[in-house]
C-alpha cells in the first residue's frame, strides 16, 4: 500500500512541476510581449514626456516653450545646430521635419479614432 501512495505522491509532484513550468513559460511570453510594446517609439516618448501623451499639438508647443524658458541653453544649442548647417543639409532638415510632423499627425489621428 505504501508503494502505491508514494507512486501517487510522485505523480502529483510531477504534475505540480509541469504546471509550474507552464506558468513560468506563460510569464516569460507575457514579459517578452510587454518588452516589445515598451520599446516602441510611442511608448518611449510617453515614458520620457508623460504629460505630453494626452495633449494636442498646441499642448506640445506650449510644453516646448516652457522647456525653452526653463532651459535657455537648450534653445540656444538647438538654434546653433540648425543655423550652422549648410544649404544642402537644410533640405534634409526640412524633409526630416516634414516626415516627423506627418508621423505625429498620423499618430494623433489614430489616437482620436480610438
C-alpha atoms as a PDB file:
ATOM      1  CA  UNK A   1       0.000   0.000   0.000  1.00  0.00           C
ATOM      2  CA  UNK A   2       2.886   2.292   0.826  1.00  0.00           C
ATOM      3  CA  UNK A   3       4.408   1.997  -2.635  1.00  0.00           C
ATOM      4  CA  UNK A   4       1.024   2.879  -4.161  1.00  0.00           C
ATOM      5  CA  UNK A   5       0.839   6.066  -2.063  1.00  0.00           C
ATOM      6  CA  UNK A   6       4.420   7.032  -2.890  1.00  0.00           C
ATOM      7  CA  UNK A   7       3.729   6.439  -6.577  1.00  0.00           C
ATOM      8  CA  UNK A   8       0.644   8.656  -6.456  1.00  0.00           C
ATOM      9  CA  UNK A   9       2.565  11.269  -4.458  1.00  0.00           C
ATOM     10  CA  UNK A  10       5.314  11.231  -7.055  1.00  0.00           C
ATOM     11  CA  UNK A  11       2.849  11.638  -9.923  1.00  0.00           C
ATOM     12  CA  UNK A  12       1.207  14.563  -8.110  1.00  0.00           C
ATOM     13  CA  UNK A  13       4.594  16.196  -7.634  1.00  0.00           C
ATOM     14  CA  UNK A  14       5.421  15.691 -11.328  1.00  0.00           C
ATOM     15  CA  UNK A  15       2.129  17.316 -12.317  1.00  0.00           C
ATOM     16  CA  UNK A  16       2.821  20.243  -9.973  1.00  0.00           C
ATOM     17  CA  UNK A  17       6.246  20.727 -11.521  1.00  0.00           C
ATOM     18  CA  UNK A  18       4.724  20.612 -15.013  1.00  0.00           C
ATOM     19  CA  UNK A  19       2.075  23.161 -14.042  1.00  0.00           C
ATOM     20  CA  UNK A  20       4.686  25.466 -12.513  1.00  0.00           C
ATOM     21  CA  UNK A  21       6.820  25.204 -15.667  1.00  0.00           C
ATOM     22  CA  UNK A  22       3.806  26.057 -17.838  1.00  0.00           C
ATOM     23  CA  UNK A  23       3.068  29.121 -15.685  1.00  0.00           C
ATOM     24  CA  UNK A  24       6.684  30.237 -15.903  1.00  0.00           C
ATOM     25  CA  UNK A  25       6.645  29.848 -19.705  1.00  0.00           C
ATOM     26  CA  UNK A  26       3.476  31.940 -19.877  1.00  0.00           C
ATOM     27  CA  UNK A  27       5.018  34.644 -17.701  1.00  0.00           C
ATOM     28  CA  UNK A  28       8.126  34.749 -19.915  1.00  0.00           C
ATOM     29  CA  UNK A  29       5.958  35.111 -23.028  1.00  0.00           C
ATOM     30  CA  UNK A  30       3.999  37.875 -21.332  1.00  0.00           C
ATOM     31  CA  UNK A  31       7.194  39.682 -20.283  1.00  0.00           C
ATOM     32  CA  UNK A  32       8.624  39.477 -23.817  1.00  0.00           C
ATOM     33  CA  UNK A  33       5.409  40.911 -25.282  1.00  0.00           C
ATOM     34  CA  UNK A  34       5.448  43.751 -22.747  1.00  0.00           C
ATOM     35  CA  UNK A  35       9.097  44.431 -23.552  1.00  0.00           C
ATOM     36  CA  UNK A  36       8.278  44.640 -27.269  1.00  0.00           C
ATOM     37  CA  UNK A  37       5.475  47.110 -26.594  1.00  0.00           C
ATOM     38  CA  UNK A  38       7.576  49.192 -24.217  1.00  0.00           C
ATOM     39  CA  UNK A  39      10.367  49.536 -26.793  1.00  0.00           C
ATOM     40  CA  UNK A  40       8.117  51.132 -29.407  1.00  0.00           C
ATOM     41  CA  UNK A  41       8.899  54.803 -30.061  1.00  0.00           C
ATOM     42  CA  UNK A  42       5.451  55.885 -28.871  1.00  0.00           C
ATOM     43  CA  UNK A  43       5.908  54.155 -25.505  1.00  0.00           C
ATOM     44  CA  UNK A  44       9.413  55.557 -25.094  1.00  0.00           C
ATOM     45  CA  UNK A  45       8.103  59.063 -25.793  1.00  0.00           C
ATOM     46  CA  UNK A  46       5.331  58.551 -23.232  1.00  0.00           C
ATOM     47  CA  UNK A  47       7.884  57.468 -20.642  1.00  0.00           C
ATOM     48  CA  UNK A  48      10.164  60.421 -21.356  1.00  0.00           C
ATOM     49  CA  UNK A  49       7.371  63.003 -21.557  1.00  0.00           C
ATOM     50  CA  UNK A  50       4.416  61.566 -19.609  1.00  0.00           C
ATOM     51  CA  UNK A  51       2.490  64.850 -19.540  1.00  0.00           C
ATOM     52  CA  UNK A  52       2.618  65.190 -23.332  1.00  0.00           C
ATOM     53  CA  UNK A  53       0.926  61.888 -24.150  1.00  0.00           C
ATOM     54  CA  UNK A  54      -2.641  63.165 -23.897  1.00  0.00           C
ATOM     55  CA  UNK A  55      -2.129  66.661 -25.258  1.00  0.00           C
ATOM     56  CA  UNK A  56      -2.840  68.161 -28.622  1.00  0.00           C
ATOM     57  CA  UNK A  57      -0.264  69.728 -30.900  1.00  0.00           C
ATOM     58  CA  UNK A  58      -0.831  73.070 -29.178  1.00  0.00           C
ATOM     59  CA  UNK A  59      -0.096  71.390 -25.845  1.00  0.00           C
ATOM     60  CA  UNK A  60       3.165  70.072 -27.265  1.00  0.00           C
ATOM     61  CA  UNK A  61       4.079  73.557 -28.489  1.00  0.00           C
ATOM     62  CA  UNK A  62       3.317  75.082 -25.089  1.00  0.00           C
ATOM     63  CA  UNK A  63       5.439  72.435 -23.397  1.00  0.00           C
ATOM     64  CA  UNK A  64       8.300  73.198 -25.806  1.00  0.00           C
ATOM     65  CA  UNK A  65       8.017  76.896 -24.967  1.00  0.00           C
ATOM     66  CA  UNK A  66       8.018  76.072 -21.259  1.00  0.00           C
ATOM     67  CA  UNK A  67      11.132  73.928 -21.681  1.00  0.00           C
ATOM     68  CA  UNK A  68      12.960  76.675 -23.592  1.00  0.00           C
ATOM     69  CA  UNK A  69      12.073  79.154 -20.863  1.00  0.00           C
ATOM     70  CA  UNK A  70      13.281  76.811 -18.157  1.00  0.00           C
ATOM     71  CA  UNK A  71      16.411  75.758 -20.053  1.00  0.00           C
ATOM     72  CA  UNK A  72      17.555  78.650 -22.283  1.00  0.00           C
ATOM     73  CA  UNK A  73      20.731  76.768 -23.175  1.00  0.00           C
ATOM     74  CA  UNK A  74      18.543  74.156 -24.885  1.00  0.00           C
ATOM     75  CA  UNK A  75      17.057  76.776 -27.233  1.00  0.00           C
ATOM     76  CA  UNK A  76      20.462  78.302 -27.857  1.00  0.00           C
ATOM     77  CA  UNK A  77      22.063  74.967 -28.685  1.00  0.00           C
ATOM     78  CA  UNK A  78      19.179  73.988 -30.966  1.00  0.00           C
ATOM     79  CA  UNK A  79      19.331  77.234 -32.905  1.00  0.00           C
ATOM     80  CA  UNK A  80      23.124  76.965 -33.175  1.00  0.00           C
ATOM     81  CA  UNK A  81      22.880  73.464 -34.585  1.00  0.00           C
ATOM     82  CA  UNK A  82      20.223  74.447 -37.099  1.00  0.00           C
ATOM     83  CA  UNK A  83      21.931  77.656 -38.198  1.00  0.00           C
ATOM     84  CA  UNK A  84      25.373  76.099 -38.589  1.00  0.00           C
ATOM     85  CA  UNK A  85      24.388  73.609 -41.255  1.00  0.00           C
ATOM     86  CA  UNK A  86      24.891  74.212 -44.952  1.00  0.00           C
ATOM     87  CA  UNK A  87      22.129  74.727 -47.547  1.00  0.00           C
ATOM     88  CA  UNK A  88      22.220  71.147 -48.666  1.00  0.00           C
ATOM     89  CA  UNK A  89      21.649  69.930 -45.144  1.00  0.00           C
ATOM     90  CA  UNK A  90      18.846  72.437 -44.739  1.00  0.00           C
ATOM     91  CA  UNK A  91      16.778  70.486 -47.262  1.00  0.00           C
ATOM     92  CA  UNK A  92      17.486  67.322 -45.326  1.00  0.00           C
ATOM     93  CA  UNK A  93      16.286  69.082 -42.173  1.00  0.00           C
ATOM     94  CA  UNK A  94      13.145  70.300 -43.929  1.00  0.00           C
ATOM     95  CA  UNK A  95      12.471  66.795 -45.196  1.00  0.00           C
ATOM     96  CA  UNK A  96      13.079  65.273 -41.778  1.00  0.00           C
ATOM     97  CA  UNK A  97      10.815  67.880 -40.173  1.00  0.00           C
ATOM     98  CA  UNK A  98       8.049  67.173 -42.684  1.00  0.00           C
ATOM     99  CA  UNK A  99       8.389  63.440 -42.128  1.00  0.00           C
ATOM    100  CA  UNK A 100       8.306  63.895 -38.368  1.00  0.00           C
ATOM    101  CA  UNK A 101       5.273  66.171 -38.472  1.00  0.00           C
ATOM    102  CA  UNK A 102       3.470  63.753 -40.801  1.00  0.00           C
ATOM    103  CA  UNK A 103       4.156  60.874 -38.396  1.00  0.00           C
ATOM    104  CA  UNK A 104       2.941  62.922 -35.427  1.00  0.00           C
ATOM    105  CA  UNK A 105      -0.223  63.935 -37.283  1.00  0.00           C
ATOM    106  CA  UNK A 106      -0.874  60.339 -38.304  1.00  0.00           C
ATOM    107  CA  UNK A 107      -0.293  59.077 -34.769  1.00  0.00           C
ATOM    108  CA  UNK A 108      -2.558  61.710 -33.258  1.00  0.00           C
ATOM    109  CA  UNK A 109      -5.222  60.901 -35.855  1.00  0.00           C
ATOM    110  CA  UNK A 110      -5.015  57.232 -34.869  1.00  0.00           C
ATOM    111  CA  UNK A 111      -5.439  58.186 -31.213  1.00  0.00           C
ATOM    112  CA  UNK A 112      -8.569  60.198 -31.958  1.00  0.00           C
ATOM    113  CA  UNK A 113     -10.099  57.271 -33.827  1.00  0.00           C
ATOM    114  CA  UNK A 114      -9.627  55.019 -30.779  1.00  0.00           C
END
